[in-house]
C-alpha atoms as a PDB file:
ATOM      1  CA  MET A   1      16.960  97.027 174.295  1.00  0.00           C
ATOM      2  CA  ASN A   2      16.032  98.467 170.901  1.00  0.00           C
ATOM      3  CA  TYR A   3      15.916  96.667 167.558  1.00  0.00           C
ATOM      4  CA  GLU A   4      19.143  98.154 166.255  1.00  0.00           C
ATOM      5  CA  LYS A   5      21.126  97.010 169.320  1.00  0.00           C
ATOM      6  CA  LEU A   6      19.578  93.548 169.174  1.00  0.00           C
ATOM      7  CA  SER A   7      20.321  93.383 165.451  1.00  0.00           C
ATOM      8  CA  THR A   8      23.977  94.162 166.154  1.00  0.00           C
ATOM      9  CA  LEU A   9      24.090  91.381 168.751  1.00  0.00           C
ATOM     10  CA  VAL A  10      22.475  88.947 166.299  1.00  0.00           C
ATOM     11  CA  LEU A  11      25.081  89.832 163.676  1.00  0.00           C
ATOM     12  CA  GLN A  12      27.894  89.297 166.181  1.00  0.00           C
ATOM     13  CA  TRP A  13      26.369  85.940 167.121  1.00  0.00           C
ATOM     14  CA  GLY A  14      26.134  84.979 163.438  1.00  0.00           C
ATOM     15  CA  GLU A  15      29.757  85.884 162.905  1.00  0.00           C
ATOM     16  CA  GLU A  16      30.858  83.880 165.971  1.00  0.00           C
ATOM     17  CA  LYS A  17      28.892  80.838 164.780  1.00  0.00           C
ATOM     18  CA  GLY A  18      30.448  80.965 161.298  1.00  0.00           C
ATOM     19  CA  ILE A  19      27.120  81.555 159.573  1.00  0.00           C
ATOM     20  CA  PHE A  20      28.480  84.207 157.215  1.00  0.00           C
ATOM     21  CA  ALA A  21      31.558  82.168 156.337  1.00  0.00           C
ATOM     22  CA  LYS A  22      29.809  78.819 155.861  1.00  0.00           C
ATOM     23  CA  SER A  23      26.262  79.521 154.734  1.00  0.00           C
ATOM     24  CA  THR A  24      24.513  81.072 151.756  1.00  0.00           C
ATOM     25  CA  PRO A  25      21.569  83.423 151.352  1.00  0.00           C
ATOM     26  CA  LEU A  26      19.405  80.598 149.983  1.00  0.00           C
ATOM     27  CA  ARG A  27      20.281  78.355 152.913  1.00  0.00           C
ATOM     28  CA  GLN A  28      19.461  81.188 155.277  1.00  0.00           C
ATOM     29  CA  LEU A  29      16.122  81.627 153.540  1.00  0.00           C
ATOM     30  CA  ASP A  30      15.502  77.889 154.032  1.00  0.00           C
ATOM     31  CA  LYS A  31      16.077  78.457 157.744  1.00  0.00           C
ATOM     32  CA  THR A  32      13.561  81.309 157.686  1.00  0.00           C
ATOM     33  CA  GLN A  33      11.029  78.964 156.068  1.00  0.00           C
ATOM     34  CA  GLU A  34      11.697  76.344 158.750  1.00  0.00           C
ATOM     35  CA  GLU A  35      11.021  78.914 161.462  1.00  0.00           C
ATOM     36  CA  LEU A  36       7.917  80.119 159.619  1.00  0.00           C
ATOM     37  CA  ASP A  37       6.576  76.557 159.488  1.00  0.00           C
ATOM     38  CA  GLU A  38       7.172  76.118 163.232  1.00  0.00           C
ATOM     39  CA  THR A  39       5.360  79.380 163.933  1.00  0.00           C
ATOM     40  CA  ARG A  40       2.470  78.289 161.726  1.00  0.00           C
ATOM     41  CA  GLU A  41       2.136  75.083 163.744  1.00  0.00           C
ATOM     42  CA  ALA A  42       2.028  77.044 167.003  1.00  0.00           C
ATOM     43  CA  LEU A  43      -0.702  79.285 165.598  1.00  0.00           C
ATOM     44  CA  LYS A  44      -2.663  76.269 164.408  1.00  0.00           C
ATOM     45  CA  LYS A  45      -2.615  74.959 167.987  1.00  0.00           C
ATOM     46  CA  LEU A  46      -4.047  78.249 169.164  1.00  0.00           C
ATOM     47  CA  GLU A  47      -6.679  78.382 166.459  1.00  0.00           C
ATOM     48  CA  SER A  48      -7.842  74.824 167.044  1.00  0.00           C
ATOM     49  CA  SER A  49      -8.240  75.569 170.751  1.00  0.00           C
ATOM     50  CA  ALA A  50     -10.286  78.708 170.261  1.00  0.00           C
ATOM     51  CA  HIS A  51     -14.070  78.669 170.156  1.00  0.00           C
ATOM     52  CA  GLN A  52     -14.075  81.095 167.232  1.00  0.00           C
ATOM     53  CA  ASP A  53     -11.668  82.626 164.714  1.00  0.00           C
ATOM     54  CA  LEU A  54      -8.525  83.637 166.521  1.00  0.00           C
ATOM     55  CA  GLN A  55      -7.893  87.329 166.842  1.00  0.00           C
ATOM     56  CA  LEU A  56      -4.311  87.475 168.098  1.00  0.00           C
ATOM     57  CA  GLU A  57      -4.869  89.489 171.221  1.00  0.00           C
ATOM     58  CA  PHE A  58      -3.936  88.325 174.690  1.00  0.00           C
ATOM     59  CA  ASP A  59      -7.476  88.737 176.011  1.00  0.00           C
ATOM     60  CA  PHE A  60      -8.591  85.772 173.880  1.00  0.00           C
ATOM     61  CA  ILE A  61      -6.971  83.338 176.358  1.00  0.00           C
ATOM     62  CA  ASP A  62     -10.157  83.426 178.444  1.00  0.00           C
ATOM     63  CA  GLU A  63     -12.020  81.904 175.485  1.00  0.00           C
ATOM     64  CA  LEU A  64      -9.712  78.911 175.031  1.00  0.00           C
ATOM     65  CA  ASP A  65     -10.348  75.341 176.120  1.00  0.00           C
ATOM     66  CA  ASP A  66      -6.970  74.704 177.783  1.00  0.00           C
ATOM     67  CA  PRO A  67      -5.165  77.907 178.785  1.00  0.00           C
ATOM     68  CA  ASN A  68      -1.929  76.075 179.683  1.00  0.00           C
ATOM     69  CA  THR A  69      -1.654  74.559 176.201  1.00  0.00           C
ATOM     70  CA  GLU A  70      -2.466  77.869 174.617  1.00  0.00           C
ATOM     71  CA  ILE A  71       0.050  79.790 176.715  1.00  0.00           C
ATOM     72  CA  GLU A  72       2.664  77.246 175.626  1.00  0.00           C
ATOM     73  CA  ALA A  73       1.612  77.730 171.991  1.00  0.00           C
ATOM     74  CA  LEU A  74       1.849  81.507 172.408  1.00  0.00           C
ATOM     75  CA  GLU A  75       5.393  81.086 173.709  1.00  0.00           C
ATOM     76  CA  GLU A  76       6.185  78.855 170.722  1.00  0.00           C
ATOM     77  CA  ALA A  77       4.797  81.528 168.399  1.00  0.00           C
ATOM     78  CA  LYS A  78       6.854  84.215 170.146  1.00  0.00           C
ATOM     79  CA  ASP A  79       9.975  82.073 169.810  1.00  0.00           C
ATOM     80  CA  GLY A  80       9.215  81.430 166.144  1.00  0.00           C
ATOM     81  CA  ILE A  81       8.711  85.104 165.368  1.00  0.00           C
ATOM     82  CA  GLY A  82      11.984  85.919 167.103  1.00  0.00           C
ATOM     83  CA  ASP A  83      13.788  83.152 165.230  1.00  0.00           C
ATOM     84  CA  MET A  84      12.410  84.441 161.928  1.00  0.00           C
ATOM     85  CA  LEU A  85      13.692  87.913 162.763  1.00  0.00           C
ATOM     86  CA  VAL A  86      17.131  86.460 163.493  1.00  0.00           C
ATOM     87  CA  THR A  87      17.226  84.641 160.158  1.00  0.00           C
ATOM     88  CA  ILE A  88      16.064  87.759 158.285  1.00  0.00           C
ATOM     89  CA  ILE A  89      18.696  89.940 159.969  1.00  0.00           C
ATOM     90  CA  LEU A  90      21.374  87.415 158.980  1.00  0.00           C
ATOM     91  CA  LEU A  91      20.009  87.105 155.421  1.00  0.00           C
ATOM     92  CA  ALA A  92      20.039  90.874 154.950  1.00  0.00           C
ATOM     93  CA  LYS A  93      23.674  91.004 156.086  1.00  0.00           C
ATOM     94  CA  MET A  94      24.604  88.217 153.664  1.00  0.00           C
ATOM     95  CA  LEU A  95      23.224  90.408 150.881  1.00  0.00           C
ATOM     96  CA  ASN A  96      25.113  93.478 152.189  1.00  0.00           C
ATOM     97  CA  MET A  97      21.852  95.026 153.339  1.00  0.00           C
ATOM     98  CA  ASP A  98      20.586  96.296 156.658  1.00  0.00           C
ATOM     99  CA  SER A  99      17.312  94.804 157.903  1.00  0.00           C
ATOM    100  CA  VAL A 100      16.124  98.198 159.169  1.00  0.00           C
ATOM    101  CA  ASP A 101      16.691  99.670 155.704  1.00  0.00           C
ATOM    102  CA  CYS A 102      14.762  96.755 154.194  1.00  0.00           C
ATOM    103  CA  LEU A 103      11.879  97.376 156.589  1.00  0.00           C
ATOM    104  CA  HIS A 104      11.953 101.091 155.863  1.00  0.00           C
ATOM    105  CA  SER A 105      11.842 100.409 152.129  1.00  0.00           C
ATOM    106  CA  ALA A 106       8.899  98.028 152.516  1.00  0.00           C
ATOM    107  CA  TYR A 107       7.026 100.494 154.709  1.00  0.00           C
ATOM    108  CA  ASN A 108       7.486 103.255 152.137  1.00  0.00           C
ATOM    109  CA  VAL A 109       5.665 101.009 149.658  1.00  0.00           C
ATOM    110  CA  ILE A 110       2.879  99.740 151.909  1.00  0.00           C
ATOM    111  CA  LYS A 111       2.043 103.073 153.535  1.00  0.00           C
ATOM    112  CA  LYS A 112       0.508 104.196 150.228  1.00  0.00           C
ATOM    113  CA  ARG A 113      -1.155 100.867 149.452  1.00  0.00           C
ATOM    114  CA  THR A 114      -4.900 100.578 149.300  1.00  0.00           C
ATOM    115  CA  GLY A 115      -6.997  97.463 149.452  1.00  0.00           C
ATOM    116  CA  LYS A 116      -9.441  95.568 151.588  1.00  0.00           C
ATOM    117  CA  MET A 117      -9.695  92.638 153.947  1.00  0.00           C
ATOM    118  CA  VAL A 118     -10.865  89.397 152.308  1.00  0.00           C
ATOM    119  CA  ASN A 119     -11.186  86.213 154.370  1.00  0.00           C
ATOM    120  CA  GLY A 120      -8.873  87.548 157.050  1.00  0.00           C
ATOM    121  CA  GLN A 121      -6.151  88.759 154.696  1.00  0.00           C
ATOM    122  CA  PHE A 122      -5.361  92.197 153.282  1.00  0.00           C
ATOM    123  CA  VAL A 123      -5.690  92.142 149.492  1.00  0.00           C
ATOM    124  CA  LYS A 124      -4.085  95.112 147.796  1.00  0.00           C
ATOM    125  CA  ASP A 125      -5.779  97.005 144.995  1.00  0.00           C
ATOM    126  CA  ASN A 126      -4.210  96.658 141.564  1.00  0.00           C
END
């Protein structure tokens, strides 16, 4: 199923649950932060189990101390990323925006961006 179809299903779910009628964009953003924090915790589990800096590729599982714990943490991270996408799709709708349009707009900015990697993060040029 593609993103657009899933997005439509998420919006229908949000409508059925009363999220649009009873929530606010700021509250929805709080939910996104909650999901982000849960995803961060899952990634911390993975990083603490790895023998070296974690490169998020599935072949790193062989290097981990307890593969069962790490597979569970990967599933938690997957769930968290999905939950963040749900909250972002709902937030965009609350602001009369489409999440695909938001992504397109962001990509149009970043595709021209220059910078470099510093301590594992991309730092854009001024």
